[in-house]
Amino acid sequence: MRDALTLALYTHPMSRGRVARWMLEETGLPYDEVILDFNTSMKSPEYLAINPMGKVPALKHGDTVITENAAICTYLADLVPEKKLAPAIGSKARGDYYRWLYFLAGPAEAMLTAKRTGHFAEAMHAGYGNEGDALQTLERALAGKNHLAGDHFTAVDLYAAAFLGFYMRSGMIEPTPEFGRFAGLHAARPAFARASEIDNMLLADHPHPGMKAAA
């Protein structure tokens, strides 16, 4: 039973762990948090036994370990079926849910990593094709829609809004009207506000190594 097992989030307030925390807040489930710091506790033997990549986030649920935000969001959505954070299995919406969640976590994320490093693969060899293909595909999927899968909020909307919000803020994605509308719509959710408040408060004690700590 889900309530008999403790959920623990391993994270840092300036990391992709913010997505996992938002998802946890959407579920309403209680959870513990373990705040790790880059290059120190994140690379400790204790944490490497949980995630050998030495990266966050990671989620533990009893003896089960889940890494990668798309997997964490999928896992958590299935823990609370009454919240309808995942469409019904076998429905068209379920197919859309998987399609766009893993498109974002796979080709779209890989394309932006290539863009940041300046090392795009040849289109015929890359899952993302090229930058224009990937972003146009996503923008067309969002056009005129509030939800990527079905007619209500699910984990894929959360993932897409977090993805777009981060990459627009960092300047990696142009803030087109459609991208801005979709990200802003879902960033207005109370769970996002709660998660952001928690992580923002943690930043003073756990700054990113690439940022100057607040005076």
N, C-alpha and C. Protein backbone atom coordinates (compact mmCIF):
# COMPACT_ATOMS: atom_id res chain seq x y z
N MET A 1 0.84 -1.20 0.00
CA MET A 1 0.00 0.00 0.00
C MET A 1 0.87 1.24 0.00
N ARG A 2 0.46 2.24 -0.75
CA ARG A 2 1.31 3.39 -0.93
C ARG A 2 1.55 4.14 0.38
N ASP A 3 0.53 4.18 1.29
CA ASP A 3 0.67 4.97 2.50
C ASP A 3 1.61 4.31 3.51
N ALA A 4 1.94 3.04 3.32
CA ALA A 4 2.83 2.35 4.25
C ALA A 4 4.29 2.60 3.93
N LEU A 5 4.57 3.22 2.79
CA LEU A 5 5.94 3.45 2.37
C LEU A 5 6.23 4.94 2.33
N THR A 6 7.45 5.29 2.72
CA THR A 6 7.86 6.69 2.75
C THR A 6 8.42 7.10 1.40
N LEU A 7 7.97 8.25 0.91
CA LEU A 7 8.56 8.86 -0.27
C LEU A 7 9.66 9.81 0.18
N ALA A 8 10.81 9.73 -0.47
CA ALA A 8 11.93 10.64 -0.15
C ALA A 8 12.46 11.22 -1.45
N LEU A 9 12.52 12.54 -1.49
CA LEU A 9 13.05 13.26 -2.65
C LEU A 9 14.47 13.70 -2.38
N TYR A 10 15.39 13.30 -3.24
CA TYR A 10 16.78 13.74 -3.18
C TYR A 10 16.92 14.84 -4.23
N THR A 11 17.32 16.03 -3.78
CA THR A 11 17.23 17.16 -4.68
C THR A 11 18.19 18.28 -4.28
N HIS A 12 18.20 19.31 -5.08
CA HIS A 12 18.87 20.57 -4.79
C HIS A 12 17.95 21.66 -5.32
N PRO A 13 17.83 22.78 -4.61
CA PRO A 13 16.84 23.79 -5.02
C PRO A 13 17.13 24.48 -6.35
N MET A 14 18.33 24.33 -6.88
CA MET A 14 18.64 24.89 -8.20
C MET A 14 19.00 23.74 -9.13
N SER A 15 18.02 22.88 -9.36
CA SER A 15 18.24 21.70 -10.18
C SER A 15 16.92 21.26 -10.78
N ARG A 16 16.98 20.22 -11.59
CA ARG A 16 15.77 19.64 -12.15
C ARG A 16 14.89 19.03 -11.07
N GLY A 17 15.41 18.93 -9.87
CA GLY A 17 14.59 18.46 -8.76
C GLY A 17 13.38 19.34 -8.50
N ARG A 18 13.40 20.57 -9.00
CA ARG A 18 12.24 21.44 -8.84
C ARG A 18 11.01 20.86 -9.57
N VAL A 19 11.26 20.17 -10.66
CA VAL A 19 10.16 19.54 -11.40
C VAL A 19 9.57 18.41 -10.57
N ALA A 20 10.43 17.58 -10.00
CA ALA A 20 9.95 16.47 -9.18
C ALA A 20 9.20 16.99 -7.96
N ARG A 21 9.69 18.07 -7.36
CA ARG A 21 8.98 18.61 -6.19
C ARG A 21 7.59 19.13 -6.59
N TRP A 22 7.51 19.81 -7.73
CA TRP A 22 6.20 20.27 -8.20
C TRP A 22 5.26 19.08 -8.34
N MET A 23 5.76 18.01 -8.94
CA MET A 23 4.91 16.84 -9.13
C MET A 23 4.48 16.26 -7.78
N LEU A 24 5.39 16.19 -6.82
CA LEU A 24 5.03 15.70 -5.49
C LEU A 24 3.94 16.57 -4.87
N GLU A 25 4.06 17.87 -5.02
CA GLU A 25 3.05 18.77 -4.47
C GLU A 25 1.70 18.56 -5.16
N GLU A 26 1.71 18.23 -6.43
CA GLU A 26 0.45 17.94 -7.12
C GLU A 26 -0.22 16.69 -6.56
N THR A 27 0.57 15.70 -6.16
CA THR A 27 -0.02 14.46 -5.66
C THR A 27 -0.67 14.64 -4.30
N GLY A 28 -0.15 15.58 -3.51
CA GLY A 28 -0.64 15.74 -2.15
C GLY A 28 -0.10 14.70 -1.19
N LEU A 29 0.79 13.83 -1.64
CA LEU A 29 1.35 12.80 -0.77
C LEU A 29 2.43 13.39 0.14
N PRO A 30 2.55 12.91 1.37
CA PRO A 30 3.65 13.36 2.24
C PRO A 30 4.97 12.81 1.74
N TYR A 31 6.01 13.58 1.92
CA TYR A 31 7.33 13.11 1.50
C TYR A 31 8.41 13.76 2.34
N ASP A 32 9.52 13.05 2.46
CA ASP A 32 10.72 13.60 3.09
C ASP A 32 11.60 14.17 2.00
N GLU A 33 12.51 15.06 2.37
CA GLU A 33 13.45 15.60 1.40
C GLU A 33 14.87 15.45 1.94
N VAL A 34 15.78 15.21 1.03
CA VAL A 34 17.20 15.16 1.34
C VAL A 34 17.86 16.14 0.38
N ILE A 35 18.40 17.24 0.93
CA ILE A 35 19.01 18.26 0.10
C ILE A 35 20.50 17.94 -0.05
N LEU A 36 20.93 17.77 -1.27
CA LEU A 36 22.32 17.45 -1.58
C LEU A 36 22.98 18.64 -2.26
N ASP A 37 24.28 18.75 -2.10
CA ASP A 37 25.02 19.83 -2.73
C ASP A 37 25.91 19.27 -3.84
N PHE A 38 26.06 20.09 -4.88
CA PHE A 38 26.86 19.69 -6.03
C PHE A 38 28.31 19.44 -5.62
N ASN A 39 28.89 18.41 -6.21
CA ASN A 39 30.32 18.09 -6.07
C ASN A 39 30.72 17.64 -4.66
N THR A 40 29.79 17.59 -3.73
CA THR A 40 30.12 17.11 -2.38
C THR A 40 29.17 15.95 -2.04
N SER A 41 28.09 16.23 -1.33
CA SER A 41 27.19 15.15 -0.93
C SER A 41 26.53 14.46 -2.12
N MET A 42 26.41 15.17 -3.25
CA MET A 42 25.81 14.55 -4.43
C MET A 42 26.72 13.46 -5.02
N LYS A 43 28.01 13.52 -4.66
CA LYS A 43 28.97 12.52 -5.14
C LYS A 43 29.45 11.60 -4.01
N SER A 44 28.75 11.63 -2.90
CA SER A 44 29.15 10.80 -1.76
C SER A 44 28.83 9.34 -2.03
N PRO A 45 29.55 8.42 -1.39
CA PRO A 45 29.25 7.00 -1.58
C PRO A 45 27.81 6.66 -1.22
N GLU A 46 27.29 7.33 -0.20
CA GLU A 46 25.92 7.04 0.23
C GLU A 46 24.92 7.37 -0.88
N TYR A 47 25.11 8.52 -1.52
CA TYR A 47 24.16 8.88 -2.57
C TYR A 47 24.43 8.13 -3.87
N LEU A 48 25.69 7.86 -4.17
CA LEU A 48 26.00 7.09 -5.38
C LEU A 48 25.41 5.68 -5.32
N ALA A 49 25.18 5.17 -4.11
CA ALA A 49 24.52 3.88 -3.98
C ALA A 49 23.05 3.97 -4.38
N ILE A 50 22.49 5.19 -4.34
CA ILE A 50 21.11 5.41 -4.75
C ILE A 50 21.05 5.75 -6.23
N ASN A 51 21.86 6.72 -6.65
CA ASN A 51 21.94 7.09 -8.06
C ASN A 51 23.41 7.16 -8.47
N PRO A 52 23.92 6.14 -9.13
CA PRO A 52 25.33 6.12 -9.52
C PRO A 52 25.74 7.28 -10.42
N MET A 53 24.77 7.96 -11.04
CA MET A 53 25.09 9.13 -11.84
C MET A 53 25.52 10.32 -10.98
N GLY A 54 25.19 10.29 -9.71
CA GLY A 54 25.54 11.40 -8.83
C GLY A 54 24.80 12.67 -9.20
N LYS A 55 23.59 12.53 -9.69
CA LYS A 55 22.77 13.66 -10.09
C LYS A 55 21.43 13.60 -9.39
N VAL A 56 20.76 14.75 -9.34
CA VAL A 56 19.41 14.82 -8.80
C VAL A 56 18.47 15.29 -9.90
N PRO A 57 17.17 14.94 -9.74
CA PRO A 57 16.55 14.33 -8.57
C PRO A 57 16.60 12.81 -8.62
N ALA A 58 16.34 12.25 -7.45
CA ALA A 58 16.04 10.84 -7.32
C ALA A 58 14.89 10.73 -6.32
N LEU A 59 14.08 9.72 -6.50
CA LEU A 59 12.96 9.49 -5.61
C LEU A 59 13.06 8.07 -5.07
N LYS A 60 12.93 7.93 -3.75
CA LYS A 60 12.86 6.60 -3.15
C LYS A 60 11.47 6.39 -2.60
N HIS A 61 10.93 5.22 -2.86
CA HIS A 61 9.62 4.84 -2.33
C HIS A 61 9.79 3.46 -1.74
N GLY A 62 10.03 3.42 -0.44
CA GLY A 62 10.43 2.16 0.16
C GLY A 62 11.78 1.75 -0.38
N ASP A 63 11.86 0.58 -0.99
CA ASP A 63 13.11 0.11 -1.59
C ASP A 63 13.22 0.44 -3.07
N THR A 64 12.23 1.09 -3.62
CA THR A 64 12.22 1.43 -5.04
C THR A 64 12.89 2.77 -5.27
N VAL A 65 13.78 2.83 -6.24
CA VAL A 65 14.46 4.07 -6.61
C VAL A 65 14.07 4.44 -8.03
N ILE A 66 13.66 5.70 -8.21
CA ILE A 66 13.31 6.21 -9.53
C ILE A 66 14.16 7.44 -9.79
N THR A 67 14.84 7.49 -10.91
CA THR A 67 15.56 8.68 -11.34
C THR A 67 14.96 9.14 -12.67
N GLU A 68 15.37 10.31 -13.12
CA GLU A 68 14.91 10.94 -14.36
C GLU A 68 13.49 11.49 -14.15
N ASN A 69 13.36 12.78 -14.41
CA ASN A 69 12.10 13.45 -14.10
C ASN A 69 10.89 12.86 -14.80
N ALA A 70 11.03 12.48 -16.05
CA ALA A 70 9.87 11.91 -16.74
C ALA A 70 9.41 10.64 -16.05
N ALA A 71 10.37 9.81 -15.62
CA ALA A 71 10.02 8.58 -14.91
C ALA A 71 9.41 8.89 -13.55
N ILE A 72 9.96 9.87 -12.85
CA ILE A 72 9.42 10.24 -11.55
C ILE A 72 7.99 10.75 -11.68
N CYS A 73 7.74 11.60 -12.67
CA CYS A 73 6.39 12.12 -12.87
C CYS A 73 5.42 11.00 -13.20
N THR A 74 5.83 10.07 -14.06
CA THR A 74 4.96 8.95 -14.43
C THR A 74 4.66 8.09 -13.22
N TYR A 75 5.68 7.80 -12.43
CA TYR A 75 5.52 6.94 -11.26
C TYR A 75 4.57 7.58 -10.25
N LEU A 76 4.79 8.86 -9.97
CA LEU A 76 3.97 9.54 -8.98
C LEU A 76 2.52 9.67 -9.44
N ALA A 77 2.32 9.95 -10.71
CA ALA A 77 0.95 10.05 -11.22
C ALA A 77 0.18 8.75 -10.99
N ASP A 78 0.85 7.62 -11.16
CA ASP A 78 0.18 6.34 -11.00
C ASP A 78 -0.08 5.99 -9.53
N LEU A 79 0.58 6.66 -8.60
CA LEU A 79 0.33 6.42 -7.18
C LEU A 79 -0.99 7.02 -6.72
N VAL A 80 -1.47 8.02 -7.45
CA VAL A 80 -2.68 8.72 -7.01
C VAL A 80 -3.70 8.74 -8.14
N PRO A 81 -4.24 7.62 -8.53
CA PRO A 81 -5.17 7.59 -9.66
C PRO A 81 -6.38 8.50 -9.48
N GLU A 82 -6.75 8.73 -8.22
CA GLU A 82 -7.90 9.60 -7.98
C GLU A 82 -7.65 11.05 -8.37
N LYS A 83 -6.38 11.44 -8.50
CA LYS A 83 -6.03 12.81 -8.93
C LYS A 83 -6.09 12.97 -10.45
N LYS A 84 -6.16 11.86 -11.17
CA LYS A 84 -6.24 11.86 -12.64
C LYS A 84 -5.07 12.62 -13.27
N LEU A 85 -3.87 12.42 -12.69
CA LEU A 85 -2.67 13.04 -13.24
C LEU A 85 -2.09 12.25 -14.41
N ALA A 86 -2.68 11.12 -14.70
CA ALA A 86 -2.36 10.34 -15.90
C ALA A 86 -3.67 9.90 -16.53
N PRO A 87 -3.80 9.96 -17.86
CA PRO A 87 -5.03 9.51 -18.51
C PRO A 87 -5.23 8.01 -18.35
N ALA A 88 -6.44 7.58 -18.60
CA ALA A 88 -6.79 6.16 -18.47
C ALA A 88 -5.96 5.32 -19.42
N ILE A 89 -5.50 4.17 -18.93
CA ILE A 89 -4.73 3.23 -19.76
C ILE A 89 -5.61 2.76 -20.92
N GLY A 90 -5.04 2.75 -22.11
CA GLY A 90 -5.75 2.30 -23.30
C GLY A 90 -6.48 3.40 -24.04
N SER A 91 -6.53 4.60 -23.44
CA SER A 91 -7.22 5.71 -24.10
C SER A 91 -6.28 6.41 -25.07
N LYS A 92 -6.88 7.16 -26.01
CA LYS A 92 -6.07 7.97 -26.91
C LYS A 92 -5.23 8.97 -26.10
N ALA A 93 -5.83 9.53 -25.05
CA ALA A 93 -5.11 10.49 -24.23
C ALA A 93 -3.88 9.86 -23.59
N ARG A 94 -3.96 8.57 -23.24
CA ARG A 94 -2.80 7.90 -22.66
C ARG A 94 -1.67 7.82 -23.68
N GLY A 95 -2.03 7.56 -24.93
CA GLY A 95 -1.01 7.54 -25.97
C GLY A 95 -0.36 8.90 -26.14
N ASP A 96 -1.18 9.97 -26.14
CA ASP A 96 -0.63 11.32 -26.23
C ASP A 96 0.25 11.63 -25.04
N TYR A 97 -0.14 11.19 -23.88
CA TYR A 97 0.61 11.40 -22.63
C TYR A 97 2.01 10.82 -22.75
N TYR A 98 2.10 9.57 -23.16
CA TYR A 98 3.41 8.95 -23.33
C TYR A 98 4.19 9.63 -24.44
N ARG A 99 3.51 9.89 -25.54
CA ARG A 99 4.20 10.46 -26.69
C ARG A 99 4.90 11.77 -26.34
N TRP A 100 4.18 12.71 -25.75
CA TRP A 100 4.77 14.03 -25.52
C TRP A 100 5.67 14.07 -24.30
N LEU A 101 5.40 13.25 -23.31
CA LEU A 101 6.30 13.21 -22.16
C LEU A 101 7.68 12.74 -22.58
N TYR A 102 7.73 11.70 -23.39
CA TYR A 102 9.03 11.16 -23.78
C TYR A 102 9.64 11.90 -24.97
N PHE A 103 8.83 12.59 -25.73
CA PHE A 103 9.39 13.50 -26.73
C PHE A 103 10.18 14.61 -26.04
N LEU A 104 9.61 15.18 -24.98
CA LEU A 104 10.28 16.25 -24.26
C LEU A 104 11.53 15.75 -23.55
N ALA A 105 11.42 14.60 -22.90
CA ALA A 105 12.55 14.05 -22.15
C ALA A 105 13.64 13.50 -23.06
N GLY A 106 13.27 13.14 -24.29
CA GLY A 106 14.23 12.56 -25.21
C GLY A 106 14.70 13.54 -26.26
N PRO A 107 14.08 13.56 -27.45
CA PRO A 107 14.58 14.40 -28.54
C PRO A 107 14.69 15.89 -28.21
N ALA A 108 13.67 16.45 -27.55
CA ALA A 108 13.70 17.89 -27.28
C ALA A 108 14.82 18.26 -26.32
N GLU A 109 14.98 17.48 -25.26
CA GLU A 109 16.05 17.75 -24.29
C GLU A 109 17.42 17.55 -24.95
N ALA A 110 17.56 16.50 -25.75
CA ALA A 110 18.84 16.25 -26.41
C ALA A 110 19.18 17.37 -27.39
N MET A 111 18.17 17.88 -28.08
CA MET A 111 18.42 18.98 -29.01
C MET A 111 18.94 20.21 -28.28
N LEU A 112 18.35 20.53 -27.13
CA LEU A 112 18.78 21.73 -26.42
C LEU A 112 20.15 21.55 -25.78
N THR A 113 20.48 20.33 -25.39
CA THR A 113 21.84 20.07 -24.91
C THR A 113 22.84 20.27 -26.05
N ALA A 114 22.50 19.78 -27.23
CA ALA A 114 23.37 19.98 -28.39
C ALA A 114 23.51 21.46 -28.72
N LYS A 115 22.40 22.18 -28.61
CA LYS A 115 22.44 23.62 -28.88
C LYS A 115 23.33 24.35 -27.89
N ARG A 116 23.21 24.00 -26.62
CA ARG A 116 24.02 24.66 -25.59
C ARG A 116 25.50 24.43 -25.80
N THR A 117 25.86 23.23 -26.21
CA THR A 117 27.27 22.88 -26.38
C THR A 117 27.78 23.25 -27.77
N GLY A 118 26.86 23.55 -28.69
CA GLY A 118 27.28 23.89 -30.05
C GLY A 118 27.69 22.70 -30.87
N HIS A 119 27.19 21.51 -30.50
CA HIS A 119 27.59 20.30 -31.23
C HIS A 119 26.35 19.52 -31.67
N PHE A 120 25.66 20.04 -32.67
CA PHE A 120 24.52 19.32 -33.23
C PHE A 120 25.01 18.12 -34.05
N ALA A 121 24.30 17.02 -33.93
CA ALA A 121 24.55 15.88 -34.80
C ALA A 121 23.88 16.13 -36.14
N GLU A 122 24.31 15.41 -37.17
CA GLU A 122 23.63 15.50 -38.46
C GLU A 122 22.19 15.05 -38.27
N ALA A 123 21.27 15.76 -38.92
CA ALA A 123 19.84 15.52 -38.72
C ALA A 123 19.45 14.07 -38.93
N MET A 124 20.04 13.41 -39.91
CA MET A 124 19.65 12.04 -40.19
C MET A 124 20.10 11.07 -39.11
N HIS A 125 21.05 11.49 -38.27
CA HIS A 125 21.55 10.62 -37.21
C HIS A 125 20.99 10.99 -35.84
N ALA A 126 20.27 12.11 -35.74
CA ALA A 126 19.81 12.61 -34.45
C ALA A 126 18.32 12.37 -34.29
N GLY A 127 17.92 11.90 -33.12
CA GLY A 127 16.51 11.70 -32.84
C GLY A 127 15.71 12.99 -32.92
N TYR A 128 16.39 14.11 -32.68
CA TYR A 128 15.68 15.39 -32.70
C TYR A 128 15.61 15.99 -34.10
N GLY A 129 16.25 15.39 -35.08
CA GLY A 129 16.28 15.97 -36.42
C GLY A 129 17.13 17.21 -36.42
N ASN A 130 16.49 18.37 -36.28
CA ASN A 130 17.22 19.61 -36.11
C ASN A 130 16.40 20.52 -35.18
N GLU A 131 16.96 21.66 -34.83
CA GLU A 131 16.29 22.53 -33.86
C GLU A 131 14.91 22.95 -34.34
N GLY A 132 14.82 23.35 -35.59
CA GLY A 132 13.54 23.80 -36.11
C GLY A 132 12.48 22.70 -36.08
N ASP A 133 12.86 21.49 -36.46
CA ASP A 133 11.91 20.38 -36.45
C ASP A 133 11.37 20.14 -35.05
N ALA A 134 12.26 20.09 -34.08
CA ALA A 134 11.85 19.77 -32.71
C ALA A 134 10.93 20.83 -32.13
N LEU A 135 11.30 22.10 -32.28
CA LEU A 135 10.50 23.16 -31.68
C LEU A 135 9.18 23.37 -32.43
N GLN A 136 9.19 23.24 -33.75
CA GLN A 136 7.93 23.37 -34.50
C GLN A 136 6.98 22.23 -34.15
N THR A 137 7.52 21.04 -33.95
CA THR A 137 6.68 19.91 -33.56
C THR A 137 5.99 20.18 -32.24
N LEU A 138 6.75 20.70 -31.27
CA LEU A 138 6.18 21.00 -29.97
C LEU A 138 5.16 22.13 -30.05
N GLU A 139 5.49 23.18 -30.79
CA GLU A 139 4.58 24.32 -30.88
C GLU A 139 3.26 23.92 -31.55
N ARG A 140 3.33 23.09 -32.56
CA ARG A 140 2.10 22.64 -33.21
C ARG A 140 1.27 21.76 -32.28
N ALA A 141 1.94 20.99 -31.45
CA ALA A 141 1.21 20.15 -30.49
C ALA A 141 0.45 20.99 -29.47
N LEU A 142 1.01 22.16 -29.13
CA LEU A 142 0.40 23.02 -28.12
C LEU A 142 -0.62 23.99 -28.70
N ALA A 143 -0.61 24.20 -29.99
CA ALA A 143 -1.41 25.26 -30.61
C ALA A 143 -2.88 25.14 -30.24
N GLY A 144 -3.39 26.17 -29.57
CA GLY A 144 -4.81 26.22 -29.24
C GLY A 144 -5.24 25.26 -28.15
N LYS A 145 -4.30 24.60 -27.49
CA LYS A 145 -4.64 23.61 -26.47
C LYS A 145 -4.15 24.05 -25.09
N ASN A 146 -4.91 23.68 -24.08
CA ASN A 146 -4.46 23.88 -22.71
C ASN A 146 -3.84 22.62 -22.14
N HIS A 147 -4.05 21.49 -22.81
CA HIS A 147 -3.56 20.20 -22.30
C HIS A 147 -3.02 19.37 -23.47
N LEU A 148 -1.94 18.68 -23.22
CA LEU A 148 -1.32 17.85 -24.24
C LEU A 148 -1.96 16.48 -24.37
N ALA A 149 -2.64 16.04 -23.32
CA ALA A 149 -3.23 14.70 -23.33
C ALA A 149 -4.61 14.76 -22.68
N GLY A 150 -5.64 14.69 -23.48
CA GLY A 150 -6.99 14.75 -22.92
C GLY A 150 -7.43 16.17 -22.65
N ASP A 151 -8.42 16.29 -21.77
CA ASP A 151 -9.06 17.58 -21.55
C ASP A 151 -8.87 18.14 -20.15
N HIS A 152 -7.87 17.60 -19.42
CA HIS A 152 -7.59 18.14 -18.09
C HIS A 152 -6.09 18.00 -17.80
N PHE A 153 -5.66 18.65 -16.73
CA PHE A 153 -4.24 18.69 -16.37
C PHE A 153 -3.72 17.30 -16.03
N THR A 154 -2.56 16.97 -16.61
CA THR A 154 -1.86 15.73 -16.27
C THR A 154 -0.37 16.01 -16.13
N ALA A 155 0.36 14.96 -15.78
CA ALA A 155 1.80 15.11 -15.55
C ALA A 155 2.54 15.60 -16.78
N VAL A 156 2.04 15.32 -17.97
CA VAL A 156 2.75 15.78 -19.17
C VAL A 156 2.61 17.30 -19.32
N ASP A 157 1.50 17.87 -18.87
CA ASP A 157 1.37 19.33 -18.89
C ASP A 157 2.36 19.96 -17.91
N LEU A 158 2.50 19.35 -16.75
CA LEU A 158 3.48 19.82 -15.78
C LEU A 158 4.88 19.79 -16.37
N TYR A 159 5.22 18.66 -16.96
CA TYR A 159 6.57 18.49 -17.51
C TYR A 159 6.82 19.49 -18.63
N ALA A 160 5.84 19.68 -19.50
CA ALA A 160 6.01 20.61 -20.61
C ALA A 160 6.12 22.04 -20.12
N ALA A 161 5.31 22.43 -19.15
CA ALA A 161 5.36 23.79 -18.62
C ALA A 161 6.69 24.05 -17.93
N ALA A 162 7.19 23.07 -17.16
CA ALA A 162 8.48 23.23 -16.49
C ALA A 162 9.61 23.32 -17.52
N PHE A 163 9.56 22.46 -18.51
CA PHE A 163 10.55 22.44 -19.60
C PHE A 163 10.59 23.79 -20.30
N LEU A 164 9.44 24.27 -20.72
CA LEU A 164 9.38 25.53 -21.45
C LEU A 164 9.79 26.71 -20.56
N GLY A 165 9.31 26.71 -19.32
CA GLY A 165 9.64 27.81 -18.43
C GLY A 165 11.14 27.94 -18.22
N PHE A 166 11.80 26.81 -17.97
CA PHE A 166 13.24 26.85 -17.72
C PHE A 166 14.00 27.30 -18.97
N TYR A 167 13.69 26.71 -20.11
CA TYR A 167 14.49 27.01 -21.29
C TYR A 167 14.16 28.38 -21.88
N MET A 168 12.98 28.89 -21.63
CA MET A 168 12.71 30.28 -22.04
C MET A 168 13.45 31.25 -21.14
N ARG A 169 13.46 31.00 -19.84
CA ARG A 169 14.19 31.88 -18.91
C ARG A 169 15.68 31.90 -19.22
N SER A 170 16.21 30.76 -19.61
CA SER A 170 17.65 30.67 -19.88
C SER A 170 18.02 31.16 -21.27
N GLY A 171 17.02 31.51 -22.07
CA GLY A 171 17.28 32.01 -23.41
C GLY A 171 17.53 30.95 -24.46
N MET A 172 17.33 29.69 -24.10
CA MET A 172 17.57 28.61 -25.04
C MET A 172 16.39 28.39 -26.00
N ILE A 173 15.21 28.81 -25.58
CA ILE A 173 14.02 28.72 -26.42
C ILE A 173 13.42 30.11 -26.53
N GLU A 174 13.08 30.50 -27.74
CA GLU A 174 12.44 31.80 -27.92
C GLU A 174 11.05 31.76 -27.29
N PRO A 175 10.70 32.76 -26.49
CA PRO A 175 9.39 32.76 -25.82
C PRO A 175 8.26 33.15 -26.77
N THR A 176 7.90 32.24 -27.65
CA THR A 176 6.81 32.50 -28.58
C THR A 176 5.51 32.65 -27.80
N PRO A 177 4.50 33.28 -28.39
CA PRO A 177 3.22 33.42 -27.69
C PRO A 177 2.64 32.08 -27.22
N GLU A 178 2.75 31.05 -28.05
CA GLU A 178 2.18 29.75 -27.68
C GLU A 178 2.95 29.12 -26.53
N PHE A 179 4.27 29.17 -26.58
CA PHE A 179 5.06 28.61 -25.49
C PHE A 179 4.81 29.39 -24.19
N GLY A 180 4.80 30.71 -24.29
CA GLY A 180 4.58 31.52 -23.10
C GLY A 180 3.21 31.31 -22.50
N ARG A 181 2.19 31.20 -23.34
CA ARG A 181 0.83 30.97 -22.86
C ARG A 181 0.72 29.66 -22.10
N PHE A 182 1.27 28.59 -22.69
CA PHE A 182 1.14 27.27 -22.09
C PHE A 182 1.90 27.18 -20.77
N ALA A 183 3.13 27.67 -20.77
CA ALA A 183 3.92 27.62 -19.53
C ALA A 183 3.27 28.46 -18.44
N GLY A 184 2.80 29.65 -18.79
CA GLY A 184 2.19 30.52 -17.80
C GLY A 184 0.91 29.98 -17.24
N LEU A 185 0.11 29.32 -18.08
CA LEU A 185 -1.15 28.73 -17.63
C LEU A 185 -0.92 27.76 -16.49
N HIS A 186 0.04 26.86 -16.65
CA HIS A 186 0.24 25.81 -15.65
C HIS A 186 1.12 26.27 -14.49
N ALA A 187 1.93 27.28 -14.70
CA ALA A 187 2.71 27.84 -13.60
C ALA A 187 1.82 28.59 -12.61
N ALA A 188 0.56 28.82 -12.97
CA ALA A 188 -0.39 29.47 -12.06
C ALA A 188 -1.02 28.48 -11.09
N ARG A 189 -0.69 27.22 -11.18
CA ARG A 189 -1.28 26.22 -10.29
C ARG A 189 -0.74 26.38 -8.87
N PRO A 190 -1.59 26.18 -7.85
CA PRO A 190 -1.14 26.30 -6.45
C PRO A 190 0.03 25.38 -6.11
N ALA A 191 0.06 24.18 -6.67
CA ALA A 191 1.14 23.25 -6.35
C ALA A 191 2.48 23.79 -6.83
N PHE A 192 2.48 24.48 -7.98
CA PHE A 192 3.71 25.08 -8.46
C PHE A 192 4.18 26.17 -7.51
N ALA A 193 3.25 26.98 -7.02
CA ALA A 193 3.61 28.04 -6.08
C ALA A 193 4.19 27.47 -4.79
N ARG A 194 3.58 26.41 -4.28
CA ARG A 194 4.09 25.78 -3.04
C ARG A 194 5.49 25.23 -3.26
N ALA A 195 5.69 24.51 -4.36
CA ALA A 195 6.99 23.91 -4.63
C ALA A 195 8.05 24.98 -4.82
N SER A 196 7.72 26.04 -5.53
CA SER A 196 8.68 27.12 -5.77
C SER A 196 9.07 27.82 -4.47
N GLU A 197 8.09 28.02 -3.60
CA GLU A 197 8.37 28.68 -2.32
C GLU A 197 9.35 27.85 -1.49
N ILE A 198 9.13 26.55 -1.46
CA ILE A 198 10.03 25.67 -0.70
C ILE A 198 11.44 25.75 -1.25
N ASP A 199 11.59 25.59 -2.55
CA ASP A 199 12.93 25.59 -3.14
C ASP A 199 13.59 26.95 -3.06
N ASN A 200 12.84 28.01 -3.22
CA ASN A 200 13.43 29.34 -3.12
C ASN A 200 13.95 29.62 -1.72
N MET A 201 13.26 29.12 -0.70
CA MET A 201 13.72 29.31 0.67
C MET A 201 15.00 28.53 0.94
N LEU A 202 15.15 27.40 0.26
CA LEU A 202 16.34 26.56 0.46
C LEU A 202 17.59 27.13 -0.21
N LEU A 203 17.40 28.02 -1.17
CA LEU A 203 18.53 28.51 -1.96
C LEU A 203 19.58 29.23 -1.12
N ALA A 204 19.17 29.92 -0.07
CA ALA A 204 20.12 30.68 0.73
C ALA A 204 21.18 29.76 1.35
N ASP A 205 20.77 28.58 1.77
CA ASP A 205 21.69 27.64 2.40
C ASP A 205 22.32 26.67 1.42
N HIS A 206 21.76 26.60 0.22
CA HIS A 206 22.27 25.65 -0.77
C HIS A 206 22.36 26.31 -2.14
N PRO A 207 23.25 27.29 -2.29
CA PRO A 207 23.38 27.96 -3.60
C PRO A 207 23.99 27.02 -4.63
N HIS A 208 23.71 27.32 -5.88
CA HIS A 208 24.35 26.58 -6.97
C HIS A 208 25.82 27.01 -7.02
N PRO A 209 26.76 26.09 -7.27
CA PRO A 209 28.16 26.48 -7.30
C PRO A 209 28.50 27.49 -8.37
N GLY A 210 27.65 27.62 -9.38
CA GLY A 210 27.90 28.61 -10.42
C GLY A 210 27.30 29.96 -10.13
N MET A 211 26.67 30.10 -8.94
CA MET A 211 26.05 31.35 -8.57
C MET A 211 26.69 31.88 -7.30
N LYS A 212 26.69 33.19 -7.14
CA LYS A 212 27.17 33.79 -5.92
C LYS A 212 26.08 33.66 -4.86
N ALA A 213 26.50 33.27 -3.68
CA ALA A 213 25.53 33.16 -2.60
C ALA A 213 25.03 34.55 -2.23
N ALA A 214 23.77 34.60 -1.77
CA ALA A 214 23.19 35.88 -1.37
C ALA A 214 23.93 36.43 -0.16
N ALA A 215 24.12 37.75 -0.14
CA ALA A 215 24.84 38.37 0.98
C ALA A 215 24.00 38.32 2.24
